[in-house]
């Protein structure tokens, strides 16, 4: 069954992240999520691929929507001195840079754009028009210190691993154009 446009984008981005060599991303630490928060039982590294469904149209003669995608990387802390937390931040930045590079470099080959179009059953003969332009890096939204609520921990029995850092990488610019008479 064809995916909706946002689900198709998120799936294509997730597959790109899973293919980054040497990072150890797999189905157990990277998934499409409702928001950037990890599931309660996540391990030391979690990658959420998500979006808030915010999008805009830029024309009045057709539906010309611009889509995006967020990737939130969460690293749980371990018991460490306060002065060593900057090392966790450095690791978060390194991972963010690798994901940013893997998704943004797609501007040259358009694999994410083509895969997302295929996942929503577009661009084939007698099918709707798929995505145009490219999904590109927009920004790092800034470091977040996260705690027990983020990890859905037990507030009665907090542990050292109920804290960590998170970074959201924002991508945008993937355009979907549909004629007014045939739009869905």
C-alpha atoms as a PDB file:
ATOM      1  CA  UNK A   1       0.000   0.000   0.000  1.00  0.00           C
ATOM      2  CA  UNK A   2       1.392   3.438  -0.876  1.00  0.00           C
ATOM      3  CA  UNK A   3       2.579   5.631   1.969  1.00  0.00           C
ATOM      4  CA  UNK A   4       1.427   9.177   2.611  1.00  0.00           C
ATOM      5  CA  UNK A   5       4.031  11.796   1.567  1.00  0.00           C
ATOM      6  CA  UNK A   6       5.442  12.483   5.048  1.00  0.00           C
ATOM      7  CA  UNK A   7       5.708   8.786   5.900  1.00  0.00           C
ATOM      8  CA  UNK A   8       7.461   8.168   2.576  1.00  0.00           C
ATOM      9  CA  UNK A   9      10.038  10.888   3.297  1.00  0.00           C
ATOM     10  CA  UNK A  10      10.690   9.634   6.817  1.00  0.00           C
ATOM     11  CA  UNK A  11      11.083   6.050   5.610  1.00  0.00           C
ATOM     12  CA  UNK A  12      13.563   7.057   2.903  1.00  0.00           C
ATOM     13  CA  UNK A  13      15.570   9.160   5.380  1.00  0.00           C
ATOM     14  CA  UNK A  14      15.570   6.350   7.944  1.00  0.00           C
ATOM     15  CA  UNK A  15      16.884   3.910   5.348  1.00  0.00           C
ATOM     16  CA  UNK A  16      19.643   6.382   4.495  1.00  0.00           C
ATOM     17  CA  UNK A  17      20.652   6.630   8.165  1.00  0.00           C
ATOM     18  CA  UNK A  18      20.601   2.846   8.590  1.00  0.00           C
ATOM     19  CA  UNK A  19      23.030   2.599   5.662  1.00  0.00           C
ATOM     20  CA  UNK A  20      25.677   4.935   7.171  1.00  0.00           C
ATOM     21  CA  UNK A  21      28.742   2.693   7.497  1.00  0.00           C
ATOM     22  CA  UNK A  22      30.405   2.202  10.842  1.00  0.00           C
ATOM     23  CA  UNK A  23      27.771   3.906  13.014  1.00  0.00           C
ATOM     24  CA  UNK A  24      25.956   0.787  14.156  1.00  0.00           C
ATOM     25  CA  UNK A  25      22.454   2.048  13.389  1.00  0.00           C
ATOM     26  CA  UNK A  26      19.854  -0.720  13.065  1.00  0.00           C
ATOM     27  CA  UNK A  27      16.128  -1.302  13.597  1.00  0.00           C
ATOM     28  CA  UNK A  28      16.727  -1.506  17.365  1.00  0.00           C
ATOM     29  CA  UNK A  29      18.097   2.047  17.698  1.00  0.00           C
ATOM     30  CA  UNK A  30      16.609   3.986  14.761  1.00  0.00           C
ATOM     31  CA  UNK A  31      12.934   4.322  13.843  1.00  0.00           C
ATOM     32  CA  UNK A  32      10.182   6.625  12.664  1.00  0.00           C
ATOM     33  CA  UNK A  33       8.642   8.221  15.730  1.00  0.00           C
ATOM     34  CA  UNK A  34       5.793  10.608  16.557  1.00  0.00           C
ATOM     35  CA  UNK A  35       8.315  13.133  17.873  1.00  0.00           C
ATOM     36  CA  UNK A  36      11.999  13.233  18.759  1.00  0.00           C
ATOM     37  CA  UNK A  37      11.653  11.311  22.006  1.00  0.00           C
ATOM     38  CA  UNK A  38      13.014   7.762  22.145  1.00  0.00           C
ATOM     39  CA  UNK A  39      10.977   4.770  23.308  1.00  0.00           C
ATOM     40  CA  UNK A  40      11.228   3.956  27.028  1.00  0.00           C
ATOM     41  CA  UNK A  41      13.520   0.950  26.661  1.00  0.00           C
ATOM     42  CA  UNK A  42      16.018   2.531  24.281  1.00  0.00           C
ATOM     43  CA  UNK A  43      19.696   1.817  24.683  1.00  0.00           C
ATOM     44  CA  UNK A  44      22.575   4.297  24.871  1.00  0.00           C
ATOM     45  CA  UNK A  45      21.964   5.697  21.350  1.00  0.00           C
ATOM     46  CA  UNK A  46      18.605   6.368  19.726  1.00  0.00           C
ATOM     47  CA  UNK A  47      17.742   8.080  16.418  1.00  0.00           C
ATOM     48  CA  UNK A  48      14.170   9.299  15.884  1.00  0.00           C
ATOM     49  CA  UNK A  49      13.107  10.187  12.343  1.00  0.00           C
ATOM     50  CA  UNK A  50       9.975  12.302  12.527  1.00  0.00           C
ATOM     51  CA  UNK A  51       8.094  15.435  11.564  1.00  0.00           C
ATOM     52  CA  UNK A  52       5.320  17.552  13.042  1.00  0.00           C
ATOM     53  CA  UNK A  53       3.367  17.610   9.731  1.00  0.00           C
ATOM     54  CA  UNK A  54       3.974  21.341   9.340  1.00  0.00           C
ATOM     55  CA  UNK A  55       4.258  22.253   5.663  1.00  0.00           C
ATOM     56  CA  UNK A  56       3.395  25.079   3.358  1.00  0.00           C
ATOM     57  CA  UNK A  57       2.223  25.631  -0.213  1.00  0.00           C
ATOM     58  CA  UNK A  58       3.855  28.308  -2.313  1.00  0.00           C
ATOM     59  CA  UNK A  59       1.475  28.762  -5.266  1.00  0.00           C
ATOM     60  CA  UNK A  60      -2.200  29.399  -5.872  1.00  0.00           C
ATOM     61  CA  UNK A  61      -2.481  27.732  -9.314  1.00  0.00           C
ATOM     62  CA  UNK A  62      -1.445  24.310  -8.017  1.00  0.00           C
ATOM     63  CA  UNK A  63      -0.684  22.574  -4.749  1.00  0.00           C
ATOM     64  CA  UNK A  64       3.053  23.213  -4.415  1.00  0.00           C
ATOM     65  CA  UNK A  65       3.967  21.900  -0.970  1.00  0.00           C
ATOM     66  CA  UNK A  66       7.383  22.000   0.649  1.00  0.00           C
ATOM     67  CA  UNK A  67       8.110  19.097   2.998  1.00  0.00           C
ATOM     68  CA  UNK A  68      10.794  18.461   5.568  1.00  0.00           C
ATOM     69  CA  UNK A  69      12.009  15.892   8.059  1.00  0.00           C
ATOM     70  CA  UNK A  70      13.625  15.992  11.506  1.00  0.00           C
ATOM     71  CA  UNK A  71      16.175  13.587  12.892  1.00  0.00           C
ATOM     72  CA  UNK A  72      16.704  13.640  16.658  1.00  0.00           C
ATOM     73  CA  UNK A  73      19.738  11.845  18.035  1.00  0.00           C
ATOM     74  CA  UNK A  74      19.632  10.964  21.734  1.00  0.00           C
ATOM     75  CA  UNK A  75      22.627   9.792  23.759  1.00  0.00           C
ATOM     76  CA  UNK A  76      22.050   8.502  27.275  1.00  0.00           C
ATOM     77  CA  UNK A  77      24.660   9.550  29.768  1.00  0.00           C
ATOM     78  CA  UNK A  78      26.553   7.116  31.863  1.00  0.00           C
ATOM     79  CA  UNK A  79      27.901   7.765  35.323  1.00  0.00           C
ATOM     80  CA  UNK A  80      30.538  10.389  34.637  1.00  0.00           C
ATOM     81  CA  UNK A  81      31.947  13.479  36.250  1.00  0.00           C
ATOM     82  CA  UNK A  82      30.261  16.737  35.314  1.00  0.00           C
ATOM     83  CA  UNK A  83      33.440  17.868  33.520  1.00  0.00           C
ATOM     84  CA  UNK A  84      33.251  14.893  31.107  1.00  0.00           C
ATOM     85  CA  UNK A  85      29.793  15.748  29.755  1.00  0.00           C
ATOM     86  CA  UNK A  86      31.395  17.771  26.988  1.00  0.00           C
ATOM     87  CA  UNK A  87      32.657  14.458  25.568  1.00  0.00           C
ATOM     88  CA  UNK A  88      29.057  13.304  25.247  1.00  0.00           C
ATOM     89  CA  UNK A  89      28.247  16.545  23.462  1.00  0.00           C
ATOM     90  CA  UNK A  90      31.190  16.011  21.088  1.00  0.00           C
ATOM     91  CA  UNK A  91      29.949  12.495  20.285  1.00  0.00           C
ATOM     92  CA  UNK A  92      26.474  13.876  19.629  1.00  0.00           C
ATOM     93  CA  UNK A  93      27.891  16.472  17.253  1.00  0.00           C
ATOM     94  CA  UNK A  94      29.938  13.810  15.442  1.00  0.00           C
ATOM     95  CA  UNK A  95      26.855  11.658  14.936  1.00  0.00           C
ATOM     96  CA  UNK A  96      24.825  14.690  13.839  1.00  0.00           C
ATOM     97  CA  UNK A  97      27.489  15.620  11.300  1.00  0.00           C
ATOM     98  CA  UNK A  98      27.482  12.094   9.824  1.00  0.00           C
ATOM     99  CA  UNK A  99      23.682  12.089   9.477  1.00  0.00           C
ATOM    100  CA  UNK A 100      23.676  15.627   8.056  1.00  0.00           C
ATOM    101  CA  UNK A 101      26.271  14.597   5.467  1.00  0.00           C
ATOM    102  CA  UNK A 102      24.476  11.357   4.497  1.00  0.00           C
ATOM    103  CA  UNK A 103      21.142  13.090   3.913  1.00  0.00           C
ATOM    104  CA  UNK A 104      22.409  16.364   2.424  1.00  0.00           C
ATOM    105  CA  UNK A 105      24.803  14.719  -0.056  1.00  0.00           C
ATOM    106  CA  UNK A 106      21.711  13.156  -1.575  1.00  0.00           C
ATOM    107  CA  UNK A 107      21.216  16.545  -3.291  1.00  0.00           C
ATOM    108  CA  UNK A 108      23.670  15.199  -5.873  1.00  0.00           C
ATOM    109  CA  UNK A 109      22.009  11.823  -6.545  1.00  0.00           C
ATOM    110  CA  UNK A 110      18.356  12.295  -5.467  1.00  0.00           C
ATOM    111  CA  UNK A 111      18.018   8.772  -4.027  1.00  0.00           C
ATOM    112  CA  UNK A 112      15.886   9.964  -1.093  1.00  0.00           C
ATOM    113  CA  UNK A 113      13.633  11.958  -3.429  1.00  0.00           C
ATOM    114  CA  UNK A 114      13.197   8.996  -5.805  1.00  0.00           C
ATOM    115  CA  UNK A 115      12.684   6.470  -2.996  1.00  0.00           C
ATOM    116  CA  UNK A 116      10.084   8.667  -1.267  1.00  0.00           C
ATOM    117  CA  UNK A 117       8.222   9.088  -4.583  1.00  0.00           C
ATOM    118  CA  UNK A 118       8.277   5.318  -5.129  1.00  0.00           C
ATOM    119  CA  UNK A 119       7.047   4.657  -1.570  1.00  0.00           C
ATOM    120  CA  UNK A 120       4.010   6.846  -2.199  1.00  0.00           C
ATOM    121  CA  UNK A 121       3.487   5.211  -5.644  1.00  0.00           C
ATOM    122  CA  UNK A 122       4.303   8.302  -7.685  1.00  0.00           C
ATOM    123  CA  UNK A 123       6.223   9.053 -10.880  1.00  0.00           C
ATOM    124  CA  UNK A 124       5.222   5.868 -12.689  1.00  0.00           C
ATOM    125  CA  UNK A 125       3.044   5.630 -15.762  1.00  0.00           C
ATOM    126  CA  UNK A 126      -0.483   6.906 -14.997  1.00  0.00           C
ATOM    127  CA  UNK A 127       0.530   7.862 -11.454  1.00  0.00           C
ATOM    128  CA  UNK A 128       0.584  11.107  -9.541  1.00  0.00           C
ATOM    129  CA  UNK A 129       3.586  13.404  -9.724  1.00  0.00           C
ATOM    130  CA  UNK A 130       6.154  12.720  -7.029  1.00  0.00           C
ATOM    131  CA  UNK A 131       8.705  14.821  -5.197  1.00  0.00           C
ATOM    132  CA  UNK A 132      10.825  17.464  -6.886  1.00  0.00           C
ATOM    133  CA  UNK A 133      13.870  19.388  -5.771  1.00  0.00           C
ATOM    134  CA  UNK A 134      15.807  17.972  -2.856  1.00  0.00           C
ATOM    135  CA  UNK A 135      15.770  17.350   0.860  1.00  0.00           C
ATOM    136  CA  UNK A 136      18.600  19.453   2.214  1.00  0.00           C
ATOM    137  CA  UNK A 137      20.164  20.316   5.542  1.00  0.00           C
ATOM    138  CA  UNK A 138      18.645  23.402   7.174  1.00  0.00           C
ATOM    139  CA  UNK A 139      20.069  23.490  10.696  1.00  0.00           C
ATOM    140  CA  UNK A 140      20.942  21.857  13.972  1.00  0.00           C
ATOM    141  CA  UNK A 141      18.222  23.009  16.345  1.00  0.00           C
ATOM    142  CA  UNK A 142      20.574  23.151  19.295  1.00  0.00           C
ATOM    143  CA  UNK A 143      21.667  20.881  22.079  1.00  0.00           C
ATOM    144  CA  UNK A 144      19.029  19.692  24.571  1.00  0.00           C
ATOM    145  CA  UNK A 145      19.791  18.329  27.984  1.00  0.00           C
ATOM    146  CA  UNK A 146      17.205  15.592  28.535  1.00  0.00           C
ATOM    147  CA  UNK A 147      16.101  13.761  31.629  1.00  0.00           C
ATOM    148  CA  UNK A 148      13.775  11.237  33.147  1.00  0.00           C
ATOM    149  CA  UNK A 149      10.650  12.506  31.308  1.00  0.00           C
ATOM    150  CA  UNK A 150      12.459  12.217  27.949  1.00  0.00           C
ATOM    151  CA  UNK A 151      13.368   8.600  28.678  1.00  0.00           C
ATOM    152  CA  UNK A 152      10.007   7.860  30.344  1.00  0.00           C
ATOM    153  CA  UNK A 153      11.851   6.659  33.430  1.00  0.00           C
ATOM    154  CA  UNK A 154      10.497   5.920  36.865  1.00  0.00           C
ATOM    155  CA  UNK A 155      10.451   9.225  38.767  1.00  0.00           C
ATOM    156  CA  UNK A 156      10.398   7.291  42.039  1.00  0.00           C
ATOM    157  CA  UNK A 157      13.635   5.461  41.188  1.00  0.00           C
ATOM    158  CA  UNK A 158      15.754   7.613  38.869  1.00  0.00           C
ATOM    159  CA  UNK A 159      19.045   6.227  37.586  1.00  0.00           C
ATOM    160  CA  UNK A 160      22.160   7.779  36.097  1.00  0.00           C
ATOM    161  CA  UNK A 161      21.047   6.635  32.640  1.00  0.00           C
ATOM    162  CA  UNK A 162      17.843   8.687  32.913  1.00  0.00           C
ATOM    163  CA  UNK A 163      19.771  11.700  31.659  1.00  0.00           C
ATOM    164  CA  UNK A 164      21.501  12.551  28.434  1.00  0.00           C
ATOM    165  CA  UNK A 165      21.735  14.875  25.492  1.00  0.00           C
ATOM    166  CA  UNK A 166      19.692  15.207  22.315  1.00  0.00           C
ATOM    167  CA  UNK A 167      20.242  17.045  19.048  1.00  0.00           C
ATOM    168  CA  UNK A 168      17.661  17.608  16.310  1.00  0.00           C
ATOM    169  CA  UNK A 169      18.825  17.948  12.721  1.00  0.00           C
ATOM    170  CA  UNK A 170      16.326  19.713  10.454  1.00  0.00           C
ATOM    171  CA  UNK A 171      16.019  19.002   6.736  1.00  0.00           C
ATOM    172  CA  UNK A 172      13.685  20.737   4.289  1.00  0.00           C
ATOM    173  CA  UNK A 173      13.035  21.760   0.714  1.00  0.00           C
ATOM    174  CA  UNK A 174      11.519  18.582  -0.729  1.00  0.00           C
ATOM    175  CA  UNK A 175       8.750  19.812  -3.012  1.00  0.00           C
ATOM    176  CA  UNK A 176       5.570  17.991  -4.059  1.00  0.00           C
ATOM    177  CA  UNK A 177       3.597  19.631  -6.872  1.00  0.00           C
ATOM    178  CA  UNK A 178       0.054  18.550  -7.698  1.00  0.00           C
ATOM    179  CA  UNK A 179      -2.440  19.987 -10.178  1.00  0.00           C
ATOM    180  CA  UNK A 180      -5.579  21.310  -8.472  1.00  0.00           C
ATOM    181  CA  UNK A 181      -7.838  18.974 -10.475  1.00  0.00           C
ATOM    182  CA  UNK A 182      -5.929  15.808  -9.537  1.00  0.00           C
ATOM    183  CA  UNK A 183      -4.660  16.549  -6.049  1.00  0.00           C
ATOM    184  CA  UNK A 184      -5.274  14.112  -3.241  1.00  0.00           C
END
